[in-house]
PDB file of N, CA and C in Angstrom:
ATOM      1  N   MET A   1     180.911  67.759  65.329  1.00  0.00           N
ATOM      2  CA  MET A   1     181.824  67.055  66.351  1.00  0.00           C
ATOM      3  C   MET A   1     180.959  66.008  67.118  1.00  0.00           C
ATOM      4  N   GLN A   2     181.803  65.022  67.421  1.00  0.00           N
ATOM      5  CA  GLN A   2     181.205  63.945  67.758  1.00  0.00           C
ATOM      6  C   GLN A   2     180.960  63.805  69.278  1.00  0.00           C
ATOM      7  N   GLU A   3     180.022  63.761  69.952  1.00  0.00           N
ATOM      8  CA  GLU A   3     180.006  63.747  72.097  1.00  0.00           C
ATOM      9  C   GLU A   3     179.842  62.166  71.578  1.00  0.00           C
ATOM     10  N   SER A   4     180.542  61.745  72.969  1.00  0.00           N
ATOM     11  CA  SER A   4     180.814  60.433  73.418  1.00  0.00           C
ATOM     12  C   SER A   4     180.028  60.305  74.726  1.00  0.00           C
ATOM     13  N   ILE A   5     179.047  59.457  74.890  1.00  0.00           N
ATOM     14  CA  ILE A   5     178.501  59.087  75.660  1.00  0.00           C
ATOM     15  C   ILE A   5     179.079  58.710  77.131  1.00  0.00           C
ATOM     16  N   THR A   6     179.404  58.942  78.035  1.00  0.00           N
ATOM     17  CA  THR A   6     179.755  58.259  78.896  1.00  0.00           C
ATOM     18  C   THR A   6     179.186  58.787  80.669  1.00  0.00           C
ATOM     19  N   MET A   7     179.192  57.464  81.622  1.00  0.00           N
ATOM     20  CA  MET A   7     178.910  57.595  82.685  1.00  0.00           C
ATOM     21  C   MET A   7     179.945  58.138  84.008  1.00  0.00           C
ATOM     22  N   LYS A   8     178.988  59.098  83.941  1.00  0.00           N
ATOM     23  CA  LYS A   8     179.792  60.240  85.232  1.00  0.00           C
ATOM     24  C   LYS A   8     179.089  59.715  86.416  1.00  0.00           C
ATOM     25  N   GLN A   9     180.398  59.249  87.503  1.00  0.00           N
ATOM     26  CA  GLN A   9     180.285  59.612  88.912  1.00  0.00           C
ATOM     27  C   GLN A   9     179.404  60.233  89.548  1.00  0.00           C
ATOM     28  N   PRO A  10     178.498  60.732  89.902  1.00  0.00           N
ATOM     29  CA  PRO A  10     177.936  61.832  90.755  1.00  0.00           C
ATOM     30  C   PRO A  10     178.812  62.349  91.962  1.00  0.00           C
ATOM     31  N   VAL A  11     178.141  63.532  91.879  1.00  0.00           N
ATOM     32  CA  VAL A  11     179.510  64.504  92.810  1.00  0.00           C
ATOM     33  C   VAL A  11     179.516  63.851  94.461  1.00  0.00           C
ATOM     34  N   SER A  12     177.997  63.840  94.494  1.00  0.00           N
ATOM     35  CA  SER A  12     177.802  63.354  95.741  1.00  0.00           C
ATOM     36  C   SER A  12     176.600  62.522  96.373  1.00  0.00           C
ATOM     37  N   TYR A  13     176.580  61.403  97.048  1.00  0.00           N
ATOM     38  CA  TYR A  13     175.622  60.490  97.742  1.00  0.00           C
ATOM     39  C   TYR A  13     174.240  61.257  98.528  1.00  0.00           C
ATOM     40  N   ARG A  14     173.684  60.806  98.193  1.00  0.00           N
ATOM     41  CA  ARG A  14     172.299  60.928  99.526  1.00  0.00           C
ATOM     42  C   ARG A  14     172.421  59.609 100.324  1.00  0.00           C
ATOM     43  N   VAL A  15     171.944  60.003 101.273  1.00  0.00           N
ATOM     44  CA  VAL A  15     171.775  58.962 102.723  1.00  0.00           C
ATOM     45  C   VAL A  15     171.302  57.807 101.784  1.00  0.00           C
ATOM     46  N   GLU A  16     170.099  57.617 100.759  1.00  0.00           N
ATOM     47  CA  GLU A  16     169.690  56.384 100.696  1.00  0.00           C
ATOM     48  C   GLU A  16     170.915  55.612  99.680  1.00  0.00           C
ATOM     49  N   ASP A  17     171.674  56.188  98.846  1.00  0.00           N
ATOM     50  CA  ASP A  17     173.007  55.493  98.212  1.00  0.00           C
ATOM     51  C   ASP A  17     174.081  54.998  99.195  1.00  0.00           C
ATOM     52  N   ILE A  18     173.950  55.829 100.443  1.00  0.00           N
ATOM     53  CA  ILE A  18     174.879  55.120 101.121  1.00  0.00           C
ATOM     54  C   ILE A  18     174.425  53.818 101.598  1.00  0.00           C
ATOM     55  N   GLN A  19     172.928  53.794 101.660  1.00  0.00           N
ATOM     56  CA  GLN A  19     172.503  52.262 102.587  1.00  0.00           C
ATOM     57  C   GLN A  19     172.956  51.410 100.937  1.00  0.00           C
ATOM     58  N   ARG A  20     172.331  51.926 100.531  1.00  0.00           N
ATOM     59  CA  ARG A  20     172.635  51.030  99.097  1.00  0.00           C
ATOM     60  C   ARG A  20     174.165  50.093  99.203  1.00  0.00           C
ATOM     61  N   LEU A  21     175.178  51.461  98.965  1.00  0.00           N
ATOM     62  CA  LEU A  21     176.142  51.054  98.583  1.00  0.00           C
ATOM     63  C   LEU A  21     177.042  50.057 100.144  1.00  0.00           C
ATOM     64  N   LEU A  22     176.549  50.857 101.067  1.00  0.00           N
ATOM     65  CA  LEU A  22     176.935  49.428 102.518  1.00  0.00           C
ATOM     66  C   LEU A  22     175.968  48.588 102.925  1.00  0.00           C
ATOM     67  N   GLY A  23     175.077  48.329 102.111  1.00  0.00           N
ATOM     68  CA  GLY A  23     174.129  47.350 102.384  1.00  0.00           C
ATOM     69  C   GLY A  23     173.637  47.978 104.357  1.00  0.00           C
ATOM     70  N   ILE A  24     173.255  48.772 104.328  1.00  0.00           N
ATOM     71  CA  ILE A  24     173.212  48.839 105.834  1.00  0.00           C
ATOM     72  C   ILE A  24     171.585  49.770 105.505  1.00  0.00           C
ATOM     73  N   GLY A  25     170.849  49.817 107.101  1.00  0.00           N
ATOM     74  CA  GLY A  25     169.690  50.168 107.153  1.00  0.00           C
ATOM     75  C   GLY A  25     169.689  51.850 106.959  1.00  0.00           C
ATOM     76  N   ARG A  26     168.659  52.452 107.348  1.00  0.00           N
ATOM     77  CA  ARG A  26     168.449  53.623 107.246  1.00  0.00           C
ATOM     78  C   ARG A  26     168.887  54.360 108.521  1.00  0.00           C
ATOM     79  N   ASN A  27     168.317  53.740 109.819  1.00  0.00           N
ATOM     80  CA  ASN A  27     169.209  54.179 110.718  1.00  0.00           C
ATOM     81  C   ASN A  27     170.585  53.657 111.186  1.00  0.00           C
ATOM     82  N   SER A  28     171.166  52.998 110.534  1.00  0.00           N
ATOM     83  CA  SER A  28     172.050  52.830 110.804  1.00  0.00           C
ATOM     84  C   SER A  28     173.125  54.022 109.699  1.00  0.00           C
ATOM     85  N   ALA A  29     172.213  54.048 109.025  1.00  0.00           N
ATOM     86  CA  ALA A  29     172.998  54.987 107.648  1.00  0.00           C
ATOM     87  C   ALA A  29     172.812  56.456 108.618  1.00  0.00           C
ATOM     88  N   TYR A  30     172.058  56.820 109.279  1.00  0.00           N
ATOM     89  CA  TYR A  30     171.898  58.477 110.112  1.00  0.00           C
ATOM     90  C   TYR A  30     172.883  58.462 111.174  1.00  0.00           C
ATOM     91  N   ASN A  31     173.482  56.663 111.925  1.00  0.00           N
ATOM     92  CA  ASN A  31     174.443  57.084 113.170  1.00  0.00           C
ATOM     93  C   ASN A  31     175.350  57.036 112.095  1.00  0.00           C
ATOM     94  N   LEU A  32     176.225  56.335 111.053  1.00  0.00           N
ATOM     95  CA  LEU A  32     177.057  56.464 110.440  1.00  0.00           C
ATOM     96  C   LEU A  32     177.325  58.037 110.052  1.00  0.00           C
ATOM     97  N   ILE A  33     176.548  58.878 109.674  1.00  0.00           N
ATOM     98  CA  ILE A  33     176.803  60.009 109.215  1.00  0.00           C
ATOM     99  C   ILE A  33     177.121  61.176 110.538  1.00  0.00           C
ATOM    100  N   ARG A  34     176.263  60.666 111.546  1.00  0.00           N
ATOM    101  CA  ARG A  34     176.791  61.590 112.758  1.00  0.00           C
ATOM    102  C   ARG A  34     178.229  61.462 113.816  1.00  0.00           C
ATOM    103  N   GLN A  35     178.247  60.026 112.961  1.00  0.00           N
ATOM    104  CA  GLN A  35     179.879  59.821 113.850  1.00  0.00           C
ATOM    105  C   GLN A  35     181.372  60.970 113.387  1.00  0.00           C
ATOM    106  N   GLU A  36     181.582  60.980 114.438  1.00  0.00           N
ATOM    107  CA  GLU A  36     183.011  62.179 113.423  1.00  0.00           C
ATOM    108  C   GLU A  36     184.006  61.544 112.611  1.00  0.00           C
ATOM    109  N   GLY A  37     184.397  62.242 111.789  1.00  0.00           N
ATOM    110  CA  GLY A  37     185.218  61.497 110.654  1.00  0.00           C
ATOM    111  C   GLY A  37     184.665  61.158 109.589  1.00  0.00           C
ATOM    112  N   PHE A  38     183.154  61.229 109.536  1.00  0.00           N
ATOM    113  CA  PHE A  38     182.284  60.867 108.644  1.00  0.00           C
ATOM    114  C   PHE A  38     181.889  61.769 107.734  1.00  0.00           C
ATOM    115  N   PRO A  39     182.170  61.826 106.226  1.00  0.00           N
ATOM    116  CA  PRO A  39     182.329  63.123 105.468  1.00  0.00           C
ATOM    117  C   PRO A  39     181.054  63.620 104.653  1.00  0.00           C
ATOM    118  N   ALA A  40     180.090  63.996 105.567  1.00  0.00           N
ATOM    119  CA  ALA A  40     178.800  64.221 105.490  1.00  0.00           C
ATOM    120  C   ALA A  40     178.618  65.694 105.733  1.00  0.00           C
ATOM    121  N   ILE A  41     177.978  66.372 104.907  1.00  0.00           N
ATOM    122  CA  ILE A  41     177.730  67.779 104.798  1.00  0.00           C
ATOM    123  C   ILE A  41     176.285  68.264 104.429  1.00  0.00           C
ATOM    124  N   ARG A  42     176.040  69.062 105.498  1.00  0.00           N
ATOM    125  CA  ARG A  42     174.322  69.496 105.194  1.00  0.00           C
ATOM    126  C   ARG A  42     174.100  70.656 104.493  1.00  0.00           C
ATOM    127  N   VAL A  43     173.396  70.336 103.685  1.00  0.00           N
ATOM    128  CA  VAL A  43     172.980  71.334 102.468  1.00  0.00           C
ATOM    129  C   VAL A  43     171.418  71.813 102.607  1.00  0.00           C
ATOM    130  N   GLY A  44     171.282  73.150 103.297  1.00  0.00           N
ATOM    131  CA  GLY A  44     170.157  72.926 103.948  1.00  0.00           C
ATOM    132  C   GLY A  44     169.606  71.903 104.633  1.00  0.00           C
ATOM    133  N   ALA A  45     168.183  71.124 104.607  1.00  0.00           N
ATOM    134  CA  ALA A  45     167.828  70.077 105.103  1.00  0.00           C
ATOM    135  C   ALA A  45     168.283  68.893 104.065  1.00  0.00           C
ATOM    136  N   ARG A  46     169.164  68.995 103.629  1.00  0.00           N
ATOM    137  CA  ARG A  46     169.495  67.798 102.725  1.00  0.00           C
ATOM    138  C   ARG A  46     171.063  67.320 103.169  1.00  0.00           C
ATOM    139  N   ILE A  47     171.035  66.161 103.578  1.00  0.00           N
ATOM    140  CA  ILE A  47     172.804  65.881 104.053  1.00  0.00           C
ATOM    141  C   ILE A  47     173.482  65.099 102.583  1.00  0.00           C
ATOM    142  N   VAL A  48     174.409  65.708 102.233  1.00  0.00           N
ATOM    143  CA  VAL A  48     175.258  64.711 100.759  1.00  0.00           C
ATOM    144  C   VAL A  48     176.162  64.436 101.360  1.00  0.00           C
ATOM    145  N   ILE A  49     177.002  63.263 100.785  1.00  0.00           N
ATOM    146  CA  ILE A  49     178.273  63.071 101.388  1.00  0.00           C
ATOM    147  C   ILE A  49     179.263  63.097  99.481  1.00  0.00           C
ATOM    148  N   PRO A  50     180.041  63.919  99.601  1.00  0.00           N
ATOM    149  CA  PRO A  50     180.289  63.623  98.288  1.00  0.00           C
ATOM    150  C   PRO A  50     181.634  62.761  97.805  1.00  0.00           C
ATOM    151  N   THR A  51     181.360  61.831  96.777  1.00  0.00           N
ATOM    152  CA  THR A  51     181.522  61.068  96.800  1.00  0.00           C
ATOM    153  C   THR A  51     183.610  60.205  96.677  1.00  0.00           C
ATOM    154  N   ASP A  52     184.154  61.505  96.164  1.00  0.00           N
ATOM    155  CA  ASP A  52     185.629  61.270  96.374  1.00  0.00           C
ATOM    156  C   ASP A  52     185.950  61.107  98.555  1.00  0.00           C
ATOM    157  N   LEU A  53     184.995  62.042  98.869  1.00  0.00           N
ATOM    158  CA  LEU A  53     185.683  61.847 100.101  1.00  0.00           C
ATOM    159  C   LEU A  53     185.069  60.285 100.992  1.00  0.00           C
ATOM    160  N   PHE A  54     183.671  59.714 100.430  1.00  0.00           N
ATOM    161  CA  PHE A  54     183.481  58.325 100.819  1.00  0.00           C
ATOM    162  C   PHE A  54     184.223  57.714 100.216  1.00  0.00           C
ATOM    163  N   HIS A  55     184.494  57.827  99.273  1.00  0.00           N
ATOM    164  CA  HIS A  55     185.207  56.686  99.058  1.00  0.00           C
ATOM    165  C   HIS A  55     186.717  56.435  99.627  1.00  0.00           C
ATOM    166  N   ALA A  56     187.439  57.732 100.023  1.00  0.00           N
ATOM    167  CA  ALA A  56     188.400  57.750 100.597  1.00  0.00           C
ATOM    168  C   ALA A  56     187.890  57.560 102.461  1.00  0.00           C
ATOM    169  N   TRP A  57     187.318  57.699 102.995  1.00  0.00           N
ATOM    170  CA  TRP A  57     186.968  57.280 104.082  1.00  0.00           C
ATOM    171  C   TRP A  57     186.446  55.635 104.151  1.00  0.00           C
ATOM    172  N   VAL A  58     186.065  54.874 102.904  1.00  0.00           N
ATOM    173  CA  VAL A  58     185.653  53.540 103.208  1.00  0.00           C
ATOM    174  C   VAL A  58     187.237  52.994 103.082  1.00  0.00           C
ATOM    175  N   SER A  59     188.480  53.707 102.359  1.00  0.00           N
ATOM    176  CA  SER A  59     189.343  53.450 102.488  1.00  0.00           C
ATOM    177  C   SER A  59     190.272  53.180 103.591  1.00  0.00           C
ATOM    178  N   GLU A  60     189.756  54.377 104.276  1.00  0.00           N
ATOM    179  CA  GLU A  60     191.065  54.218 105.881  1.00  0.00           C
ATOM    180  C   GLU A  60     190.554  53.453 106.565  1.00  0.00           C
ATOM    181  N   GLN A  61     188.383  53.193 106.483  1.00  0.00           N
ATOM    182  CA  GLN A  61     188.059  52.070 107.542  1.00  0.00           C
ATOM    183  C   GLN A  61     188.899  50.958 107.030  1.00  0.00           C
ATOM    184  N   ALA A  62     188.760  50.164 105.941  1.00  0.00           N
ATOM    185  CA  ALA A  62     189.381  49.108 105.122  1.00  0.00           C
ATOM    186  C   ALA A  62     191.006  48.919 106.031  1.00  0.00           C
ATOM    187  N   GLY A  63     191.575  50.003 106.273  1.00  0.00           N
ATOM    188  CA  GLY A  63     193.110  49.974 106.370  1.00  0.00           C
ATOM    189  C   GLY A  63     192.932  49.487 107.972  1.00  0.00           C
ATOM    190  N   ARG A  64     192.113  50.137 108.521  1.00  0.00           N
ATOM    191  CA  ARG A  64     191.959  49.928 109.904  1.00  0.00           C
ATOM    192  C   ARG A  64     191.601  48.988 110.400  1.00  0.00           C
ATOM    193  N   GLY A  65     190.743  48.235 109.444  1.00  0.00           N
ATOM    194  CA  GLY A  65     190.420  46.580 109.852  1.00  0.00           C
ATOM    195  C   GLY A  65     191.418  45.832 109.427  1.00  0.00           C
ATOM    196  N   ASP A  66     192.323  46.074 108.433  1.00  0.00           N
ATOM    197  CA  ASP A  66     193.475  45.199 108.353  1.00  0.00           C
ATOM    198  C   ASP A  66     194.806  45.768 109.191  1.00  0.00           C
ATOM    199  N   ALA A  67     194.988  46.645 109.911  1.00  0.00           N
ATOM    200  CA  ALA A  67     195.799  46.786 110.951  1.00  0.00           C
ATOM    201  C   ALA A  67     195.632  46.485 112.520  1.00  0.00           C
ATOM    202  N   ALA A  68     194.185  45.991 112.825  1.00  0.00           N
ATOM    203  CA  ALA A  68     193.123  45.439 113.980  1.00  0.00           C
ATOM    204  C   ALA A  68     193.603  43.724 113.875  1.00  0.00           C
ATOM    205  N   ASN A  69     193.282  43.459 112.437  1.00  0.00           N
ATOM    206  CA  ASN A  69     193.224  41.486 112.213  1.00  0.00           C
ATOM    207  C   ASN A  69     194.695  41.582 112.506  1.00  0.00           C
ATOM    208  N   GLY A  70     195.802  42.273 112.252  1.00  0.00           N
ATOM    209  CA  GLY A  70     197.478  41.877 111.721  1.00  0.00           C
ATOM    210  C   GLY A  70     197.641  41.927 113.478  1.00  0.00           C
TER     211      GLY A  70
END
């Protein structure tokens, strides 16, 4: 059987990933994580952000921006 090589999306992002994806600094990322409604989960001492919930949150925020401008 031949296995195909595929790039899989990670199950979760780290704070550093959120910084890179949004183009924000460390303090801004941690402030965002503390906001109500942001999909961050504490696992022991680590903070992780499920990728599917993060992308849904980004889409929701983009929709709010459109509504505010319309």
